Amino acid sequence: MKTKQREIIFNKFGGRCAYCGCELQKGWHVDHVKPVLRESEWCKTRQRFVYTGEMKFKKDDVMENKMPACASCNINKHSLYLEDFRKLIKGFVTSLNRDSTQYKIAKRYGLVTEEEKEVVFYFETFIEQSPSEKVK
């Protein structure tokens, strides 16, 4: 991808992750909102499937479908569709309560409080700033 294209994607949401809204750091990712899915093939030496780089849905590899994402959001989203990613995130609290002793202890001591709410992505609430506001 060309530098200019990455710059356009970076600036889509004011240098913030389209999903969680954190400020993008060095190493940020370009995500496809609608997954393009990569082809894979079995590698005998590694004993696993490896990606070939070929896209199954090349028609979706367009600028309108690309979002700036922090590494953790993009890695967790993987090739999920948006609503499936939303469900995954919503299930994190259940997983933490089931699997993490540290989380359960922190919760008992009042260091963590849970709130039942819908997962809303940053890009869903983002209002484009005027050019003068972006300079700040």
N, C-alpha and C. Protein backbone atom coordinates (compact mmCIF):
# COMPACT_ATOMS: atom_id res chain seq x y z
N MET A 1 0.84 -1.17 0.00
CA MET A 1 0.00 0.00 0.00
C MET A 1 0.89 1.24 0.00
N LYS A 2 0.47 2.21 -0.76
CA LYS A 2 1.25 3.45 -0.88
C LYS A 2 1.12 4.30 0.38
N THR A 3 2.16 5.08 0.65
CA THR A 3 2.21 5.94 1.83
C THR A 3 1.01 6.89 1.88
N LYS A 4 0.64 7.47 0.75
CA LYS A 4 -0.48 8.41 0.69
C LYS A 4 -1.79 7.72 1.09
N GLN A 5 -1.97 6.48 0.64
CA GLN A 5 -3.19 5.73 1.00
C GLN A 5 -3.23 5.46 2.51
N ARG A 6 -2.09 5.07 3.08
CA ARG A 6 -2.03 4.83 4.53
C ARG A 6 -2.34 6.12 5.30
N GLU A 7 -1.85 7.24 4.79
CA GLU A 7 -2.09 8.53 5.43
C GLU A 7 -3.59 8.87 5.41
N ILE A 8 -4.24 8.62 4.29
CA ILE A 8 -5.69 8.88 4.17
C ILE A 8 -6.45 8.01 5.17
N ILE A 9 -6.08 6.73 5.25
CA ILE A 9 -6.76 5.81 6.17
C ILE A 9 -6.49 6.23 7.61
N PHE A 10 -5.24 6.58 7.93
CA PHE A 10 -4.87 7.03 9.28
C PHE A 10 -5.74 8.21 9.71
N ASN A 11 -5.99 9.13 8.81
CA ASN A 11 -6.71 10.36 9.12
C ASN A 11 -8.23 10.23 9.08
N LYS A 12 -8.75 9.08 8.68
CA LYS A 12 -10.21 8.88 8.59
C LYS A 12 -10.92 9.26 9.88
N PHE A 13 -10.33 8.91 11.02
CA PHE A 13 -10.96 9.17 12.31
C PHE A 13 -10.01 9.92 13.23
N GLY A 14 -9.30 10.89 12.66
CA GLY A 14 -8.43 11.76 13.45
C GLY A 14 -7.26 11.05 14.09
N GLY A 15 -6.72 10.01 13.42
CA GLY A 15 -5.56 9.29 13.96
C GLY A 15 -5.94 8.33 15.08
N ARG A 16 -7.20 7.93 15.11
CA ARG A 16 -7.68 7.01 16.15
C ARG A 16 -8.15 5.71 15.54
N CYS A 17 -8.13 4.66 16.36
CA CYS A 17 -8.62 3.35 15.94
C CYS A 17 -10.12 3.45 15.65
N ALA A 18 -10.54 2.94 14.52
CA ALA A 18 -11.95 2.99 14.14
C ALA A 18 -12.83 2.21 15.10
N TYR A 19 -12.25 1.28 15.83
CA TYR A 19 -13.04 0.41 16.70
C TYR A 19 -13.06 0.87 18.15
N CYS A 20 -11.90 0.98 18.79
CA CYS A 20 -11.88 1.35 20.22
C CYS A 20 -11.66 2.84 20.44
N GLY A 21 -11.14 3.54 19.45
CA GLY A 21 -10.94 4.99 19.56
C GLY A 21 -9.62 5.41 20.18
N CYS A 22 -8.73 4.45 20.50
CA CYS A 22 -7.44 4.85 21.07
C CYS A 22 -6.60 5.55 20.00
N GLU A 23 -5.64 6.36 20.47
CA GLU A 23 -4.73 7.02 19.53
C GLU A 23 -3.86 5.96 18.88
N LEU A 24 -3.75 6.02 17.56
CA LEU A 24 -2.94 5.04 16.84
C LEU A 24 -1.46 5.29 17.09
N GLN A 25 -0.76 4.21 17.34
CA GLN A 25 0.67 4.25 17.59
C GLN A 25 1.42 3.66 16.40
N LYS A 26 2.73 3.78 16.43
CA LYS A 26 3.55 3.15 15.41
C LYS A 26 3.18 1.67 15.33
N GLY A 27 3.06 1.16 14.12
CA GLY A 27 2.69 -0.24 13.94
C GLY A 27 1.19 -0.46 13.82
N TRP A 28 0.41 0.62 13.70
CA TRP A 28 -1.04 0.48 13.54
C TRP A 28 -1.35 -0.31 12.28
N HIS A 29 -2.55 -0.88 12.22
CA HIS A 29 -2.95 -1.75 11.12
C HIS A 29 -4.01 -1.12 10.24
N VAL A 30 -4.10 -1.60 9.02
CA VAL A 30 -5.20 -1.27 8.12
C VAL A 30 -6.11 -2.49 8.11
N ASP A 31 -7.35 -2.30 8.51
CA ASP A 31 -8.31 -3.40 8.57
C ASP A 31 -9.35 -3.25 7.48
N HIS A 32 -9.85 -4.37 7.00
CA HIS A 32 -10.99 -4.39 6.08
C HIS A 32 -12.24 -4.59 6.93
N VAL A 33 -13.17 -3.63 6.93
CA VAL A 33 -14.41 -3.77 7.70
C VAL A 33 -15.12 -5.04 7.24
N LYS A 34 -15.36 -5.14 5.96
CA LYS A 34 -15.91 -6.37 5.39
C LYS A 34 -14.70 -7.22 5.01
N PRO A 35 -14.51 -8.35 5.66
CA PRO A 35 -13.29 -9.15 5.45
C PRO A 35 -13.08 -9.54 3.98
N VAL A 36 -11.80 -9.53 3.58
CA VAL A 36 -11.47 -9.96 2.23
C VAL A 36 -11.07 -11.44 2.22
N LEU A 37 -10.81 -11.99 3.37
CA LEU A 37 -10.40 -13.39 3.55
C LEU A 37 -9.23 -13.76 2.65
N ARG A 38 -8.22 -14.31 3.25
CA ARG A 38 -7.00 -14.70 2.53
C ARG A 38 -7.00 -16.20 2.26
N GLU A 39 -6.49 -16.58 1.12
CA GLU A 39 -6.34 -17.99 0.77
C GLU A 39 -5.21 -18.59 1.62
N SER A 40 -5.32 -19.86 1.93
CA SER A 40 -4.25 -20.54 2.64
C SER A 40 -4.02 -21.90 2.03
N GLU A 41 -2.87 -22.44 2.34
CA GLU A 41 -2.54 -23.78 1.84
C GLU A 41 -1.77 -24.52 2.92
N TRP A 42 -1.83 -25.83 2.88
CA TRP A 42 -1.16 -26.65 3.88
C TRP A 42 0.34 -26.65 3.64
N CYS A 43 1.10 -26.38 4.70
CA CYS A 43 2.56 -26.39 4.63
C CYS A 43 3.04 -27.63 5.37
N LYS A 44 3.63 -28.56 4.62
CA LYS A 44 4.08 -29.82 5.22
C LYS A 44 5.16 -29.60 6.27
N THR A 45 6.11 -28.72 5.99
CA THR A 45 7.22 -28.53 6.92
C THR A 45 6.77 -27.88 8.23
N ARG A 46 5.80 -26.99 8.16
CA ARG A 46 5.31 -26.32 9.38
C ARG A 46 4.13 -27.05 10.01
N GLN A 47 3.57 -28.00 9.28
CA GLN A 47 2.42 -28.77 9.75
C GLN A 47 1.23 -27.89 10.14
N ARG A 48 0.97 -26.93 9.29
CA ARG A 48 -0.19 -26.06 9.49
C ARG A 48 -0.51 -25.31 8.20
N PHE A 49 -1.67 -24.68 8.17
CA PHE A 49 -2.03 -23.85 7.03
C PHE A 49 -1.30 -22.52 7.12
N VAL A 50 -0.83 -22.02 5.99
CA VAL A 50 -0.18 -20.71 5.93
C VAL A 50 -0.88 -19.89 4.85
N TYR A 51 -0.97 -18.59 5.08
CA TYR A 51 -1.62 -17.72 4.12
C TYR A 51 -0.75 -17.51 2.89
N THR A 52 -1.39 -17.52 1.73
CA THR A 52 -0.66 -17.30 0.48
C THR A 52 -0.62 -15.82 0.11
N GLY A 53 -1.50 -15.02 0.71
CA GLY A 53 -1.59 -13.60 0.38
C GLY A 53 -2.70 -13.31 -0.62
N GLU A 54 -3.17 -14.34 -1.31
CA GLU A 54 -4.26 -14.16 -2.27
C GLU A 54 -5.57 -13.88 -1.54
N MET A 55 -6.34 -12.91 -2.05
CA MET A 55 -7.62 -12.57 -1.45
C MET A 55 -8.75 -13.31 -2.13
N LYS A 56 -9.73 -13.74 -1.32
CA LYS A 56 -10.91 -14.40 -1.88
C LYS A 56 -11.89 -13.37 -2.44
N PHE A 57 -11.99 -12.21 -1.80
CA PHE A 57 -12.95 -11.19 -2.20
C PHE A 57 -12.22 -9.90 -2.58
N LYS A 58 -11.52 -9.93 -3.69
CA LYS A 58 -10.70 -8.78 -4.12
C LYS A 58 -11.53 -7.53 -4.33
N LYS A 59 -12.80 -7.69 -4.68
CA LYS A 59 -13.67 -6.53 -4.93
C LYS A 59 -13.84 -5.68 -3.66
N ASP A 60 -13.60 -6.28 -2.49
CA ASP A 60 -13.74 -5.54 -1.24
C ASP A 60 -12.43 -4.91 -0.77
N ASP A 61 -11.39 -5.02 -1.56
CA ASP A 61 -10.10 -4.41 -1.22
C ASP A 61 -10.06 -2.99 -1.79
N VAL A 62 -10.96 -2.14 -1.27
CA VAL A 62 -11.08 -0.75 -1.72
C VAL A 62 -10.94 0.18 -0.53
N MET A 63 -10.59 1.42 -0.79
CA MET A 63 -10.36 2.40 0.27
C MET A 63 -11.57 2.55 1.20
N GLU A 64 -12.78 2.51 0.65
CA GLU A 64 -13.99 2.68 1.45
C GLU A 64 -14.15 1.57 2.48
N ASN A 65 -13.55 0.42 2.24
CA ASN A 65 -13.67 -0.73 3.12
C ASN A 65 -12.50 -0.84 4.10
N LYS A 66 -11.57 0.10 4.04
CA LYS A 66 -10.38 0.04 4.89
C LYS A 66 -10.51 1.01 6.06
N MET A 67 -10.14 0.51 7.23
CA MET A 67 -10.23 1.29 8.47
C MET A 67 -8.91 1.28 9.20
N PRO A 68 -8.58 2.39 9.89
CA PRO A 68 -7.40 2.38 10.75
C PRO A 68 -7.73 1.62 12.02
N ALA A 69 -6.82 0.76 12.44
CA ALA A 69 -7.08 -0.04 13.64
C ALA A 69 -5.81 -0.20 14.46
N CYS A 70 -5.99 -0.18 15.79
CA CYS A 70 -4.85 -0.51 16.64
C CYS A 70 -4.58 -2.00 16.47
N ALA A 71 -3.37 -2.40 16.80
CA ALA A 71 -2.99 -3.80 16.60
C ALA A 71 -3.91 -4.75 17.36
N SER A 72 -4.26 -4.42 18.61
CA SER A 72 -5.06 -5.36 19.39
C SER A 72 -6.47 -5.51 18.82
N CYS A 73 -7.10 -4.43 18.37
CA CYS A 73 -8.43 -4.56 17.76
C CYS A 73 -8.35 -5.38 16.47
N ASN A 74 -7.38 -5.07 15.62
CA ASN A 74 -7.29 -5.79 14.35
C ASN A 74 -6.98 -7.27 14.56
N ILE A 75 -6.10 -7.58 15.49
CA ILE A 75 -5.75 -8.98 15.73
C ILE A 75 -6.96 -9.74 16.30
N ASN A 76 -7.71 -9.10 17.20
CA ASN A 76 -8.91 -9.76 17.74
C ASN A 76 -10.02 -9.86 16.71
N LYS A 77 -10.15 -8.87 15.84
CA LYS A 77 -11.19 -8.91 14.81
C LYS A 77 -10.89 -9.98 13.78
N HIS A 78 -9.61 -10.15 13.47
CA HIS A 78 -9.17 -11.15 12.51
C HIS A 78 -9.98 -11.01 11.23
N SER A 79 -10.71 -12.01 10.83
CA SER A 79 -11.51 -11.94 9.61
C SER A 79 -13.00 -11.98 9.93
N LEU A 80 -13.35 -11.45 11.09
CA LEU A 80 -14.76 -11.43 11.49
C LEU A 80 -15.51 -10.30 10.80
N TYR A 81 -16.78 -10.54 10.58
CA TYR A 81 -17.66 -9.46 10.14
C TYR A 81 -17.94 -8.59 11.35
N LEU A 82 -18.36 -7.35 11.12
CA LEU A 82 -18.50 -6.36 12.17
C LEU A 82 -19.40 -6.83 13.32
N GLU A 83 -20.55 -7.40 13.02
CA GLU A 83 -21.46 -7.83 14.09
C GLU A 83 -20.89 -9.01 14.88
N ASP A 84 -20.12 -9.87 14.22
CA ASP A 84 -19.47 -10.97 14.93
C ASP A 84 -18.37 -10.44 15.86
N PHE A 85 -17.66 -9.40 15.42
CA PHE A 85 -16.65 -8.77 16.26
C PHE A 85 -17.30 -8.13 17.48
N ARG A 86 -18.44 -7.49 17.26
CA ARG A 86 -19.18 -6.86 18.36
C ARG A 86 -19.58 -7.93 19.39
N LYS A 87 -20.07 -9.08 18.93
CA LYS A 87 -20.45 -10.18 19.83
C LYS A 87 -19.24 -10.72 20.58
N LEU A 88 -18.11 -10.83 19.89
CA LEU A 88 -16.88 -11.31 20.53
C LEU A 88 -16.51 -10.41 21.71
N ILE A 89 -16.50 -9.10 21.47
CA ILE A 89 -16.13 -8.14 22.51
C ILE A 89 -17.13 -8.20 23.67
N LYS A 90 -18.40 -8.26 23.35
CA LYS A 90 -19.43 -8.33 24.39
C LYS A 90 -19.23 -9.56 25.28
N GLY A 91 -18.69 -10.62 24.73
CA GLY A 91 -18.46 -11.84 25.49
C GLY A 91 -17.19 -11.82 26.33
N PHE A 92 -16.36 -10.80 26.21
CA PHE A 92 -15.11 -10.75 26.98
C PHE A 92 -15.35 -10.77 28.49
N VAL A 93 -16.36 -10.07 28.97
CA VAL A 93 -16.61 -10.01 30.41
C VAL A 93 -16.99 -11.40 30.92
N THR A 94 -17.81 -12.11 30.16
CA THR A 94 -18.17 -13.48 30.55
C THR A 94 -16.93 -14.35 30.62
N SER A 95 -16.06 -14.24 29.63
CA SER A 95 -14.82 -15.02 29.62
C SER A 95 -13.91 -14.67 30.79
N LEU A 96 -13.80 -13.39 31.09
CA LEU A 96 -12.97 -12.97 32.23
C LEU A 96 -13.52 -13.53 33.54
N ASN A 97 -14.83 -13.46 33.72
CA ASN A 97 -15.43 -13.99 34.94
C ASN A 97 -15.27 -15.50 35.05
N ARG A 98 -15.24 -16.18 33.94
CA ARG A 98 -15.10 -17.63 33.94
C ARG A 98 -13.65 -18.07 34.09
N ASP A 99 -12.72 -17.35 33.45
CA ASP A 99 -11.37 -17.85 33.28
C ASP A 99 -10.26 -17.13 34.05
N SER A 100 -10.49 -15.91 34.50
CA SER A 100 -9.40 -15.13 35.07
C SER A 100 -9.55 -14.93 36.58
N THR A 101 -8.72 -15.61 37.33
CA THR A 101 -8.72 -15.45 38.78
C THR A 101 -8.37 -14.01 39.15
N GLN A 102 -7.38 -13.44 38.48
CA GLN A 102 -6.98 -12.06 38.79
C GLN A 102 -8.15 -11.09 38.58
N TYR A 103 -8.89 -11.28 37.48
CA TYR A 103 -10.04 -10.41 37.21
C TYR A 103 -11.08 -10.54 38.32
N LYS A 104 -11.39 -11.77 38.72
CA LYS A 104 -12.40 -12.01 39.75
C LYS A 104 -11.98 -11.38 41.09
N ILE A 105 -10.71 -11.48 41.42
CA ILE A 105 -10.22 -10.87 42.67
C ILE A 105 -10.30 -9.35 42.58
N ALA A 106 -9.84 -8.78 41.47
CA ALA A 106 -9.91 -7.33 41.29
C ALA A 106 -11.36 -6.85 41.39
N LYS A 107 -12.28 -7.60 40.86
CA LYS A 107 -13.70 -7.26 40.93
C LYS A 107 -14.20 -7.30 42.38
N ARG A 108 -13.81 -8.33 43.14
CA ARG A 108 -14.22 -8.43 44.55
C ARG A 108 -13.72 -7.26 45.38
N TYR A 109 -12.54 -6.77 45.06
CA TYR A 109 -11.96 -5.64 45.79
C TYR A 109 -12.45 -4.28 45.28
N GLY A 110 -13.34 -4.31 44.32
CA GLY A 110 -13.91 -3.06 43.81
C GLY A 110 -13.01 -2.32 42.83
N LEU A 111 -11.95 -2.99 42.37
CA LEU A 111 -11.05 -2.35 41.41
C LEU A 111 -11.60 -2.39 40.00
N VAL A 112 -12.55 -3.28 39.80
CA VAL A 112 -13.20 -3.41 38.49
C VAL A 112 -14.70 -3.41 38.71
N THR A 113 -15.40 -2.61 37.95
CA THR A 113 -16.86 -2.65 37.99
C THR A 113 -17.35 -2.96 36.58
N GLU A 114 -18.40 -3.74 36.53
CA GLU A 114 -18.96 -4.13 35.24
C GLU A 114 -20.21 -3.31 34.95
N GLU A 115 -20.42 -3.04 33.67
CA GLU A 115 -21.57 -2.28 33.26
C GLU A 115 -22.17 -2.98 32.04
N GLU A 116 -23.45 -3.26 32.09
CA GLU A 116 -24.14 -3.89 30.97
C GLU A 116 -24.44 -2.80 29.95
N LYS A 117 -23.80 -2.88 28.80
CA LYS A 117 -24.06 -1.90 27.74
C LYS A 117 -23.70 -2.50 26.39
N GLU A 118 -24.18 -1.87 25.38
CA GLU A 118 -23.92 -2.33 24.02
C GLU A 118 -22.51 -1.92 23.59
N VAL A 119 -21.93 -2.69 22.72
CA VAL A 119 -20.62 -2.36 22.15
C VAL A 119 -20.85 -1.41 20.99
N VAL A 120 -20.31 -0.21 21.13
CA VAL A 120 -20.41 0.80 20.08
C VAL A 120 -19.00 1.13 19.62
N PHE A 121 -18.76 1.00 18.34
CA PHE A 121 -17.43 1.27 17.82
C PHE A 121 -17.23 2.78 17.64
N TYR A 122 -15.99 3.20 17.77
CA TYR A 122 -15.65 4.61 17.66
C TYR A 122 -16.16 5.22 16.36
N PHE A 123 -15.96 4.52 15.24
CA PHE A 123 -16.36 5.09 13.96
C PHE A 123 -17.87 5.31 13.86
N GLU A 124 -18.65 4.61 14.68
CA GLU A 124 -20.10 4.76 14.67
C GLU A 124 -20.54 6.06 15.35
N THR A 125 -19.68 6.65 16.14
CA THR A 125 -20.02 7.88 16.86
C THR A 125 -19.17 9.06 16.40
N PHE A 126 -18.20 8.81 15.54
CA PHE A 126 -17.26 9.83 15.12
C PHE A 126 -17.96 10.90 14.28
N ILE A 127 -17.72 12.13 14.65
CA ILE A 127 -18.21 13.26 13.87
C ILE A 127 -16.99 13.96 13.30
N GLU A 128 -16.95 14.09 12.00
CA GLU A 128 -15.78 14.70 11.32
C GLU A 128 -15.54 16.09 11.88
N GLN A 129 -14.30 16.37 12.22
CA GLN A 129 -13.92 17.68 12.73
C GLN A 129 -13.66 18.63 11.56
N SER A 130 -13.87 19.89 11.84
CA SER A 130 -13.54 20.88 10.82
C SER A 130 -12.02 20.97 10.73
N PRO A 131 -11.46 21.41 9.59
CA PRO A 131 -10.00 21.52 9.45
C PRO A 131 -9.33 22.31 10.56
N SER A 132 -9.96 23.37 11.09
CA SER A 132 -9.34 24.16 12.15
C SER A 132 -9.25 23.36 13.46
N GLU A 133 -10.22 22.47 13.72
CA GLU A 133 -10.19 21.66 14.94
C GLU A 133 -9.10 20.58 14.86
N LYS A 134 -8.82 20.09 13.66
CA LYS A 134 -7.82 19.03 13.48
C LYS A 134 -6.43 19.51 13.81
N VAL A 135 -6.16 20.82 13.65
CA VAL A 135 -4.84 21.37 13.86
C VAL A 135 -4.49 21.37 15.35
N LYS A 136 -5.44 21.45 16.22
CA LYS A 136 -5.21 21.54 17.68
C LYS A 136 -4.37 20.43 18.21
